[in-house]
Amino acid sequence: MRRKIMYTLIISCVICTAAACGQKKASEEKDVPIARISGSYYVDPYDPVAVTSSADYAFVGNVVKHKGYEYEDGERPYTNYDIRVIKNLKGELKTDIDIPITKRGGMAVDGSCYEVYEDDFLPKEGDVCIFTAYGTEEGELVVIGANSTLLLEMPEDFVSAINGNTEEYIEKVLEKNEEYRTYVDASKNLLPASEVEAIPVDHYKCDYEQ
């Protein structure tokens, strides 16, 4: 399965649930416990340069629609979204259409908890985030692991305002965000693949490039 392939390439097979589903922690969607998934990574997820260098795409996106969950091998949850790319940082995704992405994590198959990676979260509709994503052989976009989705604090009217405004306006607002500036700098200082990949990884273009 395509996501199982990406799962193996990006994150090692030693993955466990770090918090039992019975432990209480409010989610952003409803009052359901969160089970934290601990991963062993080939790339340091806390190094923006390494993460951006390893990823096929990095971009600022607005979450337009939450499209529900699907399950790999009948148990690992993935969450499907439609997003609108606001600003490309690495790669050139289309910015004039809603693009589907799939994010590892979501409601457990038995509905008892959310499975979410440590230092990651499941965005909700309306959020503006920095995503680091990988293309799949089928031309899709997958987001997976710690720090793969970073919430940006934007003015309340930002999403509605960007539709009729210029690139200059968007850049002016985004530049006020420190996290955004960090990833812009990372995108300008990409490392060669030999310095960020411990194993050979096939890179694929998604179907939503400009």
N, C-alpha and C. Protein backbone atom coordinates (compact mmCIF):
# COMPACT_ATOMS: atom_id res chain seq x y z
N MET A 1 0.85 -1.19 0.00
CA MET A 1 0.00 0.00 0.00
C MET A 1 0.88 1.24 0.00
N ARG A 2 0.46 2.28 -0.71
CA ARG A 2 1.32 3.43 -0.91
C ARG A 2 1.76 4.08 0.41
N ARG A 3 0.86 4.19 1.39
CA ARG A 3 1.21 4.89 2.62
C ARG A 3 2.10 4.01 3.50
N LYS A 4 1.95 2.71 3.38
CA LYS A 4 2.83 1.81 4.11
C LYS A 4 4.26 1.97 3.60
N ILE A 5 4.41 2.17 2.30
CA ILE A 5 5.73 2.38 1.73
C ILE A 5 6.34 3.66 2.29
N MET A 6 5.58 4.75 2.29
CA MET A 6 6.08 6.01 2.81
C MET A 6 6.39 5.89 4.30
N TYR A 7 5.55 5.18 5.00
CA TYR A 7 5.70 4.98 6.44
C TYR A 7 7.04 4.31 6.74
N THR A 8 7.40 3.33 5.92
CA THR A 8 8.65 2.60 6.12
C THR A 8 9.85 3.45 5.76
N LEU A 9 9.75 4.25 4.70
CA LEU A 9 10.88 5.03 4.25
C LEU A 9 11.20 6.20 5.17
N ILE A 10 10.19 6.86 5.67
CA ILE A 10 10.40 8.09 6.43
C ILE A 10 10.63 7.81 7.90
N ILE A 11 9.97 6.81 8.42
CA ILE A 11 10.03 6.51 9.84
C ILE A 11 10.35 5.04 10.01
N SER A 12 11.24 4.74 10.93
CA SER A 12 11.64 3.36 11.10
C SER A 12 10.50 2.52 11.62
N CYS A 13 10.68 1.23 11.59
CA CYS A 13 9.60 0.32 11.96
C CYS A 13 9.35 0.28 13.46
N VAL A 14 10.26 0.81 14.27
CA VAL A 14 10.08 0.77 15.72
C VAL A 14 9.19 1.92 16.15
N ILE A 15 7.89 1.68 16.12
CA ILE A 15 6.90 2.70 16.48
C ILE A 15 5.95 2.11 17.49
N CYS A 16 5.70 2.86 18.55
CA CYS A 16 4.80 2.36 19.58
C CYS A 16 3.89 3.48 20.04
N THR A 17 2.81 3.08 20.70
CA THR A 17 1.90 4.07 21.28
C THR A 17 2.48 4.52 22.60
N ALA A 18 2.69 5.84 22.74
CA ALA A 18 3.36 6.38 23.91
C ALA A 18 2.41 6.72 25.03
N ALA A 19 1.13 6.80 24.74
CA ALA A 19 0.15 7.09 25.79
C ALA A 19 -1.06 6.21 25.58
N ALA A 20 -1.53 5.59 26.63
CA ALA A 20 -2.69 4.70 26.50
C ALA A 20 -3.93 5.50 26.16
N CYS A 21 -4.83 4.88 25.41
CA CYS A 21 -6.04 5.58 25.01
C CYS A 21 -6.88 5.99 26.21
N GLY A 22 -6.71 5.33 27.33
CA GLY A 22 -7.50 5.68 28.49
C GLY A 22 -7.07 6.96 29.17
N GLN A 23 -5.87 7.47 28.87
CA GLN A 23 -5.42 8.70 29.49
C GLN A 23 -6.12 9.89 28.87
N LYS A 24 -6.61 10.79 29.70
CA LYS A 24 -7.43 11.89 29.22
C LYS A 24 -6.60 13.05 28.71
N LYS A 25 -6.95 13.51 27.53
CA LYS A 25 -6.40 14.75 26.99
C LYS A 25 -7.35 15.23 25.92
N ALA A 26 -7.81 16.45 26.03
CA ALA A 26 -8.83 16.95 25.10
C ALA A 26 -8.24 17.12 23.72
N SER A 27 -8.96 16.69 22.70
CA SER A 27 -8.55 16.94 21.33
C SER A 27 -9.15 18.24 20.86
N GLU A 28 -8.74 18.67 19.67
CA GLU A 28 -9.26 19.92 19.14
C GLU A 28 -10.65 19.73 18.53
N GLU A 29 -11.02 18.51 18.20
CA GLU A 29 -12.30 18.28 17.56
C GLU A 29 -13.40 17.95 18.57
N LYS A 30 -13.07 17.14 19.55
CA LYS A 30 -14.05 16.77 20.58
C LYS A 30 -13.29 16.23 21.77
N ASP A 31 -14.00 16.03 22.87
CA ASP A 31 -13.35 15.59 24.10
C ASP A 31 -13.07 14.10 24.05
N VAL A 32 -12.02 13.74 23.32
CA VAL A 32 -11.60 12.35 23.15
C VAL A 32 -10.13 12.28 23.55
N PRO A 33 -9.71 11.24 24.25
CA PRO A 33 -8.30 11.12 24.64
C PRO A 33 -7.38 11.06 23.42
N ILE A 34 -6.11 11.42 23.63
CA ILE A 34 -5.10 11.35 22.58
C ILE A 34 -4.05 10.32 22.97
N ALA A 35 -3.75 9.39 22.08
CA ALA A 35 -2.66 8.44 22.27
C ALA A 35 -1.48 8.93 21.44
N ARG A 36 -0.38 9.22 22.12
CA ARG A 36 0.81 9.73 21.42
C ARG A 36 1.63 8.59 20.83
N ILE A 37 2.01 8.73 19.57
CA ILE A 37 2.81 7.73 18.87
C ILE A 37 4.27 8.18 18.91
N SER A 38 5.15 7.30 19.33
CA SER A 38 6.58 7.59 19.37
C SER A 38 7.25 7.00 18.14
N GLY A 39 8.00 7.83 17.41
CA GLY A 39 8.65 7.36 16.19
C GLY A 39 10.16 7.47 16.27
N SER A 40 10.86 6.64 15.52
CA SER A 40 12.31 6.73 15.36
C SER A 40 12.57 7.19 13.93
N TYR A 41 13.22 8.34 13.77
CA TYR A 41 13.27 9.02 12.48
C TYR A 41 14.64 8.92 11.82
N TYR A 42 14.62 8.87 10.51
CA TYR A 42 15.86 8.93 9.74
C TYR A 42 16.39 10.35 9.65
N VAL A 43 15.52 11.34 9.78
CA VAL A 43 15.88 12.76 9.72
C VAL A 43 15.46 13.40 11.03
N ASP A 44 16.27 14.30 11.57
CA ASP A 44 15.94 14.99 12.81
C ASP A 44 14.71 15.86 12.59
N PRO A 45 13.56 15.52 13.19
CA PRO A 45 12.33 16.28 12.92
C PRO A 45 12.33 17.67 13.56
N TYR A 46 13.34 17.95 14.38
CA TYR A 46 13.41 19.25 15.04
C TYR A 46 14.43 20.18 14.38
N ASP A 47 14.97 19.75 13.27
CA ASP A 47 15.91 20.57 12.48
C ASP A 47 15.19 21.01 11.22
N PRO A 48 14.73 22.28 11.15
CA PRO A 48 13.97 22.73 9.98
C PRO A 48 14.71 22.56 8.67
N VAL A 49 16.03 22.75 8.67
CA VAL A 49 16.79 22.59 7.43
C VAL A 49 16.79 21.13 6.99
N ALA A 50 17.02 20.21 7.92
CA ALA A 50 17.04 18.79 7.58
C ALA A 50 15.67 18.32 7.12
N VAL A 51 14.63 18.74 7.84
CA VAL A 51 13.27 18.32 7.48
C VAL A 51 12.88 18.85 6.11
N THR A 52 13.13 20.12 5.86
CA THR A 52 12.77 20.72 4.57
C THR A 52 13.60 20.12 3.45
N SER A 53 14.86 19.83 3.72
CA SER A 53 15.72 19.21 2.70
C SER A 53 15.23 17.82 2.34
N SER A 54 14.78 17.06 3.33
CA SER A 54 14.33 15.70 3.09
C SER A 54 12.98 15.65 2.39
N ALA A 55 12.10 16.59 2.73
CA ALA A 55 10.74 16.57 2.19
C ALA A 55 10.72 16.88 0.69
N ASP A 56 9.69 16.41 0.02
CA ASP A 56 9.50 16.77 -1.39
C ASP A 56 8.88 18.15 -1.52
N TYR A 57 8.04 18.51 -0.54
CA TYR A 57 7.33 19.79 -0.59
C TYR A 57 7.27 20.39 0.82
N ALA A 58 7.38 21.70 0.88
CA ALA A 58 7.11 22.45 2.11
C ALA A 58 6.30 23.67 1.71
N PHE A 59 5.23 23.93 2.45
CA PHE A 59 4.35 25.02 2.04
C PHE A 59 3.49 25.49 3.20
N VAL A 60 3.00 26.71 3.08
CA VAL A 60 1.99 27.23 3.99
C VAL A 60 0.63 26.93 3.36
N GLY A 61 -0.25 26.31 4.14
CA GLY A 61 -1.55 25.95 3.59
C GLY A 61 -2.68 26.23 4.56
N ASN A 62 -3.83 26.52 4.01
CA ASN A 62 -5.06 26.69 4.78
C ASN A 62 -5.88 25.41 4.69
N VAL A 63 -6.27 24.89 5.84
CA VAL A 63 -7.09 23.68 5.88
C VAL A 63 -8.53 24.06 5.50
N VAL A 64 -8.95 23.61 4.33
CA VAL A 64 -10.26 23.96 3.82
C VAL A 64 -11.32 22.99 4.30
N LYS A 65 -10.98 21.70 4.31
CA LYS A 65 -11.99 20.70 4.65
C LYS A 65 -11.35 19.47 5.29
N HIS A 66 -11.97 19.00 6.36
CA HIS A 66 -11.63 17.72 6.97
C HIS A 66 -12.50 16.67 6.31
N LYS A 67 -11.87 15.64 5.71
CA LYS A 67 -12.61 14.68 4.89
C LYS A 67 -12.70 13.28 5.50
N GLY A 68 -12.42 13.19 6.80
CA GLY A 68 -12.60 11.91 7.47
C GLY A 68 -11.34 11.06 7.51
N TYR A 69 -11.52 9.80 7.90
CA TYR A 69 -10.40 8.91 8.19
C TYR A 69 -10.41 7.67 7.30
N GLU A 70 -9.22 7.10 7.13
CA GLU A 70 -9.09 5.79 6.52
C GLU A 70 -8.04 5.03 7.31
N TYR A 71 -7.99 3.70 7.11
CA TYR A 71 -7.17 2.87 7.98
C TYR A 71 -6.30 1.92 7.16
N GLU A 72 -4.99 2.00 7.43
CA GLU A 72 -4.04 1.10 6.77
C GLU A 72 -4.01 -0.22 7.51
N ASP A 73 -4.09 -1.30 6.76
CA ASP A 73 -4.13 -2.64 7.35
C ASP A 73 -5.24 -2.78 8.38
N GLY A 74 -6.29 -1.99 8.24
CA GLY A 74 -7.42 -2.08 9.13
C GLY A 74 -7.20 -1.52 10.52
N GLU A 75 -6.02 -0.84 10.75
CA GLU A 75 -5.79 -0.34 12.10
C GLU A 75 -5.10 1.02 12.17
N ARG A 76 -4.12 1.33 11.34
CA ARG A 76 -3.42 2.61 11.45
C ARG A 76 -4.25 3.72 10.82
N PRO A 77 -4.63 4.75 11.60
CA PRO A 77 -5.49 5.79 11.03
C PRO A 77 -4.72 6.84 10.24
N TYR A 78 -5.35 7.33 9.20
CA TYR A 78 -4.90 8.48 8.43
C TYR A 78 -6.07 9.45 8.32
N THR A 79 -5.78 10.74 8.33
CA THR A 79 -6.81 11.76 8.19
C THR A 79 -6.67 12.42 6.83
N ASN A 80 -7.78 12.57 6.13
CA ASN A 80 -7.78 13.20 4.82
C ASN A 80 -8.28 14.63 4.91
N TYR A 81 -7.60 15.53 4.22
CA TYR A 81 -7.96 16.94 4.19
C TYR A 81 -7.93 17.46 2.75
N ASP A 82 -8.68 18.54 2.52
CA ASP A 82 -8.43 19.41 1.37
C ASP A 82 -7.77 20.67 1.91
N ILE A 83 -6.67 21.08 1.28
CA ILE A 83 -5.97 22.29 1.71
C ILE A 83 -5.80 23.22 0.51
N ARG A 84 -5.64 24.50 0.79
CA ARG A 84 -5.32 25.48 -0.24
C ARG A 84 -3.92 26.02 0.06
N VAL A 85 -3.00 25.83 -0.88
CA VAL A 85 -1.64 26.32 -0.69
C VAL A 85 -1.63 27.84 -0.77
N ILE A 86 -1.09 28.46 0.26
CA ILE A 86 -0.97 29.91 0.31
C ILE A 86 0.40 30.37 -0.18
N LYS A 87 1.42 29.60 0.22
CA LYS A 87 2.79 29.98 -0.13
C LYS A 87 3.65 28.73 -0.24
N ASN A 88 4.29 28.53 -1.38
CA ASN A 88 5.23 27.43 -1.54
C ASN A 88 6.58 27.81 -0.97
N LEU A 89 7.16 26.91 -0.18
CA LEU A 89 8.51 27.11 0.35
C LEU A 89 9.50 26.19 -0.35
N LYS A 90 9.06 24.98 -0.66
CA LYS A 90 9.87 24.05 -1.46
C LYS A 90 8.92 23.33 -2.40
N GLY A 91 9.27 23.29 -3.67
CA GLY A 91 8.37 22.72 -4.66
C GLY A 91 7.36 23.76 -5.11
N GLU A 92 6.65 23.45 -6.17
CA GLU A 92 5.69 24.40 -6.75
C GLU A 92 4.33 23.73 -6.90
N LEU A 93 3.58 23.73 -5.82
CA LEU A 93 2.22 23.20 -5.86
C LEU A 93 1.25 24.27 -6.34
N LYS A 94 0.15 23.83 -6.91
CA LYS A 94 -0.86 24.77 -7.40
C LYS A 94 -1.47 25.54 -6.23
N THR A 95 -1.74 26.81 -6.46
CA THR A 95 -2.31 27.66 -5.42
C THR A 95 -3.74 28.11 -5.73
N ASP A 96 -4.27 27.68 -6.86
CA ASP A 96 -5.60 28.14 -7.28
C ASP A 96 -6.68 27.07 -7.16
N ILE A 97 -6.32 25.91 -6.59
CA ILE A 97 -7.32 24.85 -6.38
C ILE A 97 -7.08 24.24 -4.99
N ASP A 98 -8.11 23.57 -4.48
CA ASP A 98 -7.96 22.82 -3.23
C ASP A 98 -7.26 21.50 -3.54
N ILE A 99 -6.28 21.15 -2.73
CA ILE A 99 -5.46 19.96 -2.95
C ILE A 99 -5.69 18.96 -1.82
N PRO A 100 -5.90 17.69 -2.15
CA PRO A 100 -6.06 16.68 -1.09
C PRO A 100 -4.71 16.28 -0.50
N ILE A 101 -4.65 16.17 0.81
CA ILE A 101 -3.48 15.61 1.48
C ILE A 101 -3.95 14.54 2.46
N THR A 102 -3.04 13.63 2.78
CA THR A 102 -3.32 12.58 3.75
C THR A 102 -2.29 12.68 4.86
N LYS A 103 -2.76 12.73 6.09
CA LYS A 103 -1.87 12.90 7.23
C LYS A 103 -1.95 11.68 8.14
N ARG A 104 -0.78 11.12 8.50
CA ARG A 104 -0.75 9.98 9.42
C ARG A 104 -1.25 10.43 10.79
N GLY A 105 -2.23 9.69 11.31
CA GLY A 105 -2.84 10.01 12.60
C GLY A 105 -4.33 10.24 12.40
N GLY A 106 -5.07 10.06 13.48
CA GLY A 106 -6.51 10.27 13.40
C GLY A 106 -7.24 9.43 14.43
N MET A 107 -8.54 9.36 14.27
CA MET A 107 -9.37 8.59 15.19
C MET A 107 -9.03 7.11 15.10
N ALA A 108 -8.78 6.49 16.24
CA ALA A 108 -8.53 5.05 16.27
C ALA A 108 -9.71 4.30 15.67
N VAL A 109 -9.44 3.13 15.12
CA VAL A 109 -10.47 2.39 14.41
C VAL A 109 -11.65 2.03 15.33
N ASP A 110 -11.40 1.90 16.63
CA ASP A 110 -12.49 1.59 17.56
C ASP A 110 -13.13 2.84 18.14
N GLY A 111 -12.67 4.04 17.73
CA GLY A 111 -13.25 5.29 18.17
C GLY A 111 -12.90 5.70 19.59
N SER A 112 -11.96 5.01 20.22
CA SER A 112 -11.68 5.25 21.64
C SER A 112 -10.73 6.43 21.87
N CYS A 113 -9.94 6.82 20.88
CA CYS A 113 -8.96 7.88 21.05
C CYS A 113 -8.46 8.35 19.69
N TYR A 114 -7.71 9.46 19.72
CA TYR A 114 -6.97 9.91 18.55
C TYR A 114 -5.54 9.40 18.66
N GLU A 115 -4.99 8.86 17.58
CA GLU A 115 -3.58 8.50 17.53
C GLU A 115 -2.84 9.63 16.82
N VAL A 116 -1.92 10.27 17.53
CA VAL A 116 -1.19 11.43 17.01
C VAL A 116 0.27 11.31 17.41
N TYR A 117 1.17 11.61 16.48
CA TYR A 117 2.59 11.57 16.80
C TYR A 117 2.95 12.57 17.88
N GLU A 118 3.98 12.25 18.67
CA GLU A 118 4.54 13.21 19.62
C GLU A 118 4.96 14.46 18.84
N ASP A 119 4.68 15.62 19.43
CA ASP A 119 5.03 16.90 18.81
C ASP A 119 4.39 17.07 17.44
N ASP A 120 3.18 16.60 17.32
CA ASP A 120 2.41 16.80 16.11
C ASP A 120 0.96 17.04 16.53
N PHE A 121 0.12 17.45 15.61
CA PHE A 121 -1.29 17.63 15.91
C PHE A 121 -2.11 17.46 14.65
N LEU A 122 -3.39 17.26 14.83
CA LEU A 122 -4.32 17.14 13.72
C LEU A 122 -5.00 18.49 13.53
N PRO A 123 -4.73 19.20 12.44
CA PRO A 123 -5.32 20.53 12.25
C PRO A 123 -6.82 20.44 12.02
N LYS A 124 -7.48 21.55 12.24
CA LYS A 124 -8.92 21.63 12.00
C LYS A 124 -9.18 22.61 10.86
N GLU A 125 -10.38 22.58 10.35
CA GLU A 125 -10.75 23.48 9.25
C GLU A 125 -10.53 24.94 9.67
N GLY A 126 -9.92 25.69 8.76
CA GLY A 126 -9.63 27.09 9.03
C GLY A 126 -8.22 27.35 9.49
N ASP A 127 -7.51 26.30 9.96
CA ASP A 127 -6.13 26.49 10.42
C ASP A 127 -5.21 26.83 9.26
N VAL A 128 -4.21 27.65 9.55
CA VAL A 128 -3.13 27.94 8.61
C VAL A 128 -1.86 27.31 9.18
N CYS A 129 -1.24 26.44 8.40
CA CYS A 129 -0.11 25.66 8.90
C CYS A 129 1.02 25.61 7.89
N ILE A 130 2.22 25.33 8.41
CA ILE A 130 3.33 24.92 7.56
C ILE A 130 3.31 23.40 7.50
N PHE A 131 3.26 22.85 6.29
CA PHE A 131 3.28 21.41 6.08
C PHE A 131 4.58 21.02 5.40
N THR A 132 5.19 19.94 5.84
CA THR A 132 6.26 19.29 5.07
C THR A 132 5.69 17.96 4.60
N ALA A 133 5.75 17.71 3.30
CA ALA A 133 5.02 16.59 2.72
C ALA A 133 5.88 15.82 1.72
N TYR A 134 5.46 14.61 1.45
CA TYR A 134 6.14 13.72 0.51
C TYR A 134 5.17 13.29 -0.58
N GLY A 135 5.68 13.23 -1.80
CA GLY A 135 4.88 12.69 -2.89
C GLY A 135 4.89 11.17 -2.84
N THR A 136 3.85 10.57 -3.39
CA THR A 136 3.79 9.11 -3.47
C THR A 136 3.86 8.68 -4.94
N GLU A 137 4.07 7.40 -5.13
CA GLU A 137 4.15 6.87 -6.49
C GLU A 137 2.85 7.09 -7.24
N GLU A 138 1.74 7.21 -6.50
CA GLU A 138 0.43 7.43 -7.11
C GLU A 138 0.14 8.91 -7.33
N GLY A 139 1.10 9.79 -7.02
CA GLY A 139 0.91 11.21 -7.27
C GLY A 139 0.19 11.96 -6.17
N GLU A 140 0.10 11.36 -4.98
CA GLU A 140 -0.59 11.98 -3.86
C GLU A 140 0.41 12.66 -2.93
N LEU A 141 -0.13 13.36 -1.90
CA LEU A 141 0.69 14.04 -0.90
C LEU A 141 0.45 13.41 0.46
N VAL A 142 1.53 13.03 1.16
CA VAL A 142 1.44 12.44 2.48
C VAL A 142 2.22 13.30 3.46
N VAL A 143 1.62 13.57 4.62
CA VAL A 143 2.26 14.32 5.71
C VAL A 143 2.37 13.38 6.90
N ILE A 144 3.59 13.24 7.45
CA ILE A 144 3.78 12.20 8.46
C ILE A 144 4.88 12.57 9.44
N GLY A 145 4.61 12.37 10.74
CA GLY A 145 5.65 12.48 11.75
C GLY A 145 5.63 13.76 12.58
N ALA A 146 6.52 13.79 13.58
CA ALA A 146 6.66 14.94 14.47
C ALA A 146 7.02 16.19 13.67
N ASN A 147 6.44 17.31 14.05
CA ASN A 147 6.74 18.61 13.43
C ASN A 147 6.43 18.66 11.94
N SER A 148 5.63 17.73 11.45
CA SER A 148 5.29 17.76 10.02
C SER A 148 4.20 18.78 9.71
N THR A 149 3.50 19.22 10.75
CA THR A 149 2.44 20.22 10.61
C THR A 149 2.58 21.22 11.74
N LEU A 150 2.83 22.48 11.41
CA LEU A 150 3.06 23.52 12.41
C LEU A 150 2.00 24.59 12.28
N LEU A 151 1.26 24.81 13.34
CA LEU A 151 0.19 25.80 13.33
C LEU A 151 0.78 27.21 13.37
N LEU A 152 0.31 28.09 12.47
CA LEU A 152 0.72 29.49 12.46
C LEU A 152 -0.41 30.35 13.03
N GLU A 153 -0.06 31.23 13.94
CA GLU A 153 -1.04 32.16 14.49
C GLU A 153 -1.21 33.32 13.51
N MET A 154 -2.36 33.39 12.88
CA MET A 154 -2.65 34.41 11.87
C MET A 154 -3.80 35.30 12.34
N PRO A 155 -3.88 36.52 11.81
CA PRO A 155 -5.05 37.36 12.12
C PRO A 155 -6.35 36.66 11.74
N GLU A 156 -7.42 36.96 12.46
CA GLU A 156 -8.69 36.26 12.25
C GLU A 156 -9.21 36.40 10.81
N ASP A 157 -8.91 37.51 10.18
CA ASP A 157 -9.44 37.74 8.83
C ASP A 157 -8.47 37.33 7.73
N PHE A 158 -7.37 36.66 8.10
CA PHE A 158 -6.33 36.37 7.11
C PHE A 158 -6.84 35.48 5.99
N VAL A 159 -7.49 34.38 6.35
CA VAL A 159 -7.93 33.42 5.33
C VAL A 159 -8.92 34.07 4.37
N SER A 160 -9.88 34.82 4.89
CA SER A 160 -10.86 35.46 4.02
C SER A 160 -10.23 36.58 3.21
N ALA A 161 -9.20 37.21 3.76
CA ALA A 161 -8.60 38.36 3.09
C ALA A 161 -7.67 37.96 1.95
N ILE A 162 -7.04 36.78 2.03
CA ILE A 162 -6.05 36.42 1.02
C ILE A 162 -6.65 36.22 -0.36
N ASN A 163 -7.93 35.85 -0.42
CA ASN A 163 -8.54 35.55 -1.72
C ASN A 163 -8.53 36.73 -2.67
N GLY A 164 -8.65 37.94 -2.12
CA GLY A 164 -8.70 39.09 -3.01
C GLY A 164 -7.49 39.99 -2.91
N ASN A 165 -6.41 39.48 -2.30
CA ASN A 165 -5.25 40.33 -2.10
C ASN A 165 -4.02 39.81 -2.84
N THR A 166 -2.99 40.62 -2.83
CA THR A 166 -1.80 40.35 -3.61
C THR A 166 -0.78 39.52 -2.82
N GLU A 167 0.22 39.05 -3.54
CA GLU A 167 1.33 38.33 -2.93
C GLU A 167 2.02 39.18 -1.88
N GLU A 168 2.09 40.48 -2.12
CA GLU A 168 2.74 41.39 -1.18
C GLU A 168 2.01 41.41 0.16
N TYR A 169 0.68 41.41 0.11
CA TYR A 169 -0.11 41.40 1.34
C TYR A 169 0.13 40.10 2.12
N ILE A 170 0.08 38.98 1.43
CA ILE A 170 0.28 37.68 2.07
C ILE A 170 1.66 37.62 2.72
N GLU A 171 2.66 38.05 1.99
CA GLU A 171 4.03 38.01 2.50
C GLU A 171 4.18 38.91 3.72
N LYS A 172 3.55 40.06 3.69
CA LYS A 172 3.65 41.01 4.80
C LYS A 172 3.10 40.41 6.09
N VAL A 173 1.97 39.72 5.99
CA VAL A 173 1.38 39.10 7.17
C VAL A 173 2.22 37.91 7.64
N LEU A 174 2.62 37.05 6.71
CA LEU A 174 3.39 35.87 7.08
C LEU A 174 4.74 36.24 7.70
N GLU A 175 5.37 37.28 7.21
CA GLU A 175 6.69 37.68 7.70
C GLU A 175 6.69 38.04 9.18
N LYS A 176 5.54 38.31 9.73
CA LYS A 176 5.46 38.64 11.15
C LYS A 176 5.55 37.40 12.03
N ASN A 177 5.47 36.22 11.41
CA ASN A 177 5.48 34.97 12.16
C ASN A 177 6.89 34.37 12.18
N GLU A 178 7.41 34.14 13.37
CA GLU A 178 8.79 33.65 13.52
C GLU A 178 8.96 32.26 12.93
N GLU A 179 7.97 31.37 13.13
CA GLU A 179 8.06 30.02 12.59
C GLU A 179 8.15 30.06 11.07
N TYR A 180 7.35 30.91 10.46
CA TYR A 180 7.39 31.05 9.01
C TYR A 180 8.77 31.50 8.55
N ARG A 181 9.32 32.50 9.21
CA ARG A 181 10.65 33.01 8.82
C ARG A 181 11.71 31.91 8.95
N THR A 182 11.57 31.08 9.98
CA THR A 182 12.52 29.99 10.17
C THR A 182 12.49 29.02 8.99
N TYR A 183 11.30 28.69 8.51
CA TYR A 183 11.19 27.73 7.41
C TYR A 183 11.51 28.37 6.05
N VAL A 184 11.32 29.66 5.94
CA VAL A 184 11.79 30.34 4.73
C VAL A 184 13.31 30.25 4.66
N ASP A 185 13.97 30.52 5.78
CA ASP A 185 15.43 30.42 5.83
C ASP A 185 15.88 28.99 5.53
N ALA A 186 15.16 28.01 6.08
CA ALA A 186 15.51 26.61 5.83
C ALA A 186 15.41 26.28 4.35
N SER A 187 14.37 26.80 3.70
CA SER A 187 14.17 26.51 2.27
C SER A 187 15.25 27.13 1.40
N LYS A 188 15.94 28.13 1.94
CA LYS A 188 17.03 28.78 1.20
C LYS A 188 18.39 28.14 1.48
N ASN A 189 18.41 27.19 2.41
CA ASN A 189 19.67 26.56 2.80
C ASN A 189 19.55 25.04 2.79
N LEU A 190 18.94 24.52 1.73
CA LEU A 190 18.71 23.08 1.63
C LEU A 190 20.02 22.31 1.54
N LEU A 191 20.04 21.15 2.19
CA LEU A 191 21.22 20.29 2.19
C LEU A 191 21.11 19.26 1.07
N PRO A 192 22.26 18.81 0.55
CA PRO A 192 22.21 17.72 -0.44
C PRO A 192 21.65 16.45 0.18
N ALA A 193 21.02 15.62 -0.64
CA ALA A 193 20.35 14.41 -0.15
C ALA A 193 21.30 13.53 0.65
N SER A 194 22.57 13.47 0.26
CA SER A 194 23.52 12.60 0.95
C SER A 194 23.73 12.99 2.40
N GLU A 195 23.38 14.22 2.76
CA GLU A 195 23.58 14.70 4.13
C GLU A 195 22.34 14.55 5.00
N VAL A 196 21.21 14.24 4.40
CA VAL A 196 19.99 14.18 5.20
C VAL A 196 19.28 12.83 5.11
N GLU A 197 19.70 11.94 4.27
CA GLU A 197 19.04 10.65 4.11
C GLU A 197 19.98 9.52 4.49
N ALA A 198 19.57 8.71 5.45
CA ALA A 198 20.39 7.60 5.90
C ALA A 198 20.22 6.36 5.02
N ILE A 199 19.12 6.31 4.27
CA ILE A 199 18.86 5.19 3.37
C ILE A 199 18.40 5.74 2.03
N PRO A 200 18.52 4.96 0.95
CA PRO A 200 18.00 5.44 -0.33
C PRO A 200 16.49 5.63 -0.26
N VAL A 201 16.02 6.75 -0.75
CA VAL A 201 14.59 7.05 -0.74
C VAL A 201 14.18 7.50 -2.15
N ASP A 202 13.14 6.88 -2.69
CA ASP A 202 12.61 7.33 -3.97
C ASP A 202 11.74 8.55 -3.75
N HIS A 203 11.96 9.56 -4.57
CA HIS A 203 11.15 10.77 -4.47
C HIS A 203 10.20 10.83 -5.67
N TYR A 204 8.96 11.22 -5.39
CA TYR A 204 7.94 11.25 -6.41
C TYR A 204 7.31 12.64 -6.49
N LYS A 205 6.90 13.00 -7.70
CA LYS A 205 6.16 14.24 -7.90
C LYS A 205 4.69 13.97 -7.66
N CYS A 206 4.01 14.90 -7.01
CA CYS A 206 2.57 14.74 -6.85
C CYS A 206 1.86 15.30 -8.08
N ASP A 207 0.59 15.03 -8.18
CA ASP A 207 -0.20 15.43 -9.36
C ASP A 207 -0.65 16.87 -9.31
N TYR A 208 -0.25 17.61 -8.30
CA TYR A 208 -0.79 18.95 -8.10
C TYR A 208 0.27 20.04 -8.22
N GLU A 209 1.34 19.73 -8.95
CA GLU A 209 2.37 20.74 -9.20
C GLU A 209 1.87 21.72 -10.27
N GLN A 210 2.38 22.93 -10.19
CA GLN A 210 2.03 23.96 -11.20
C GLN A 210 2.61 23.57 -12.54
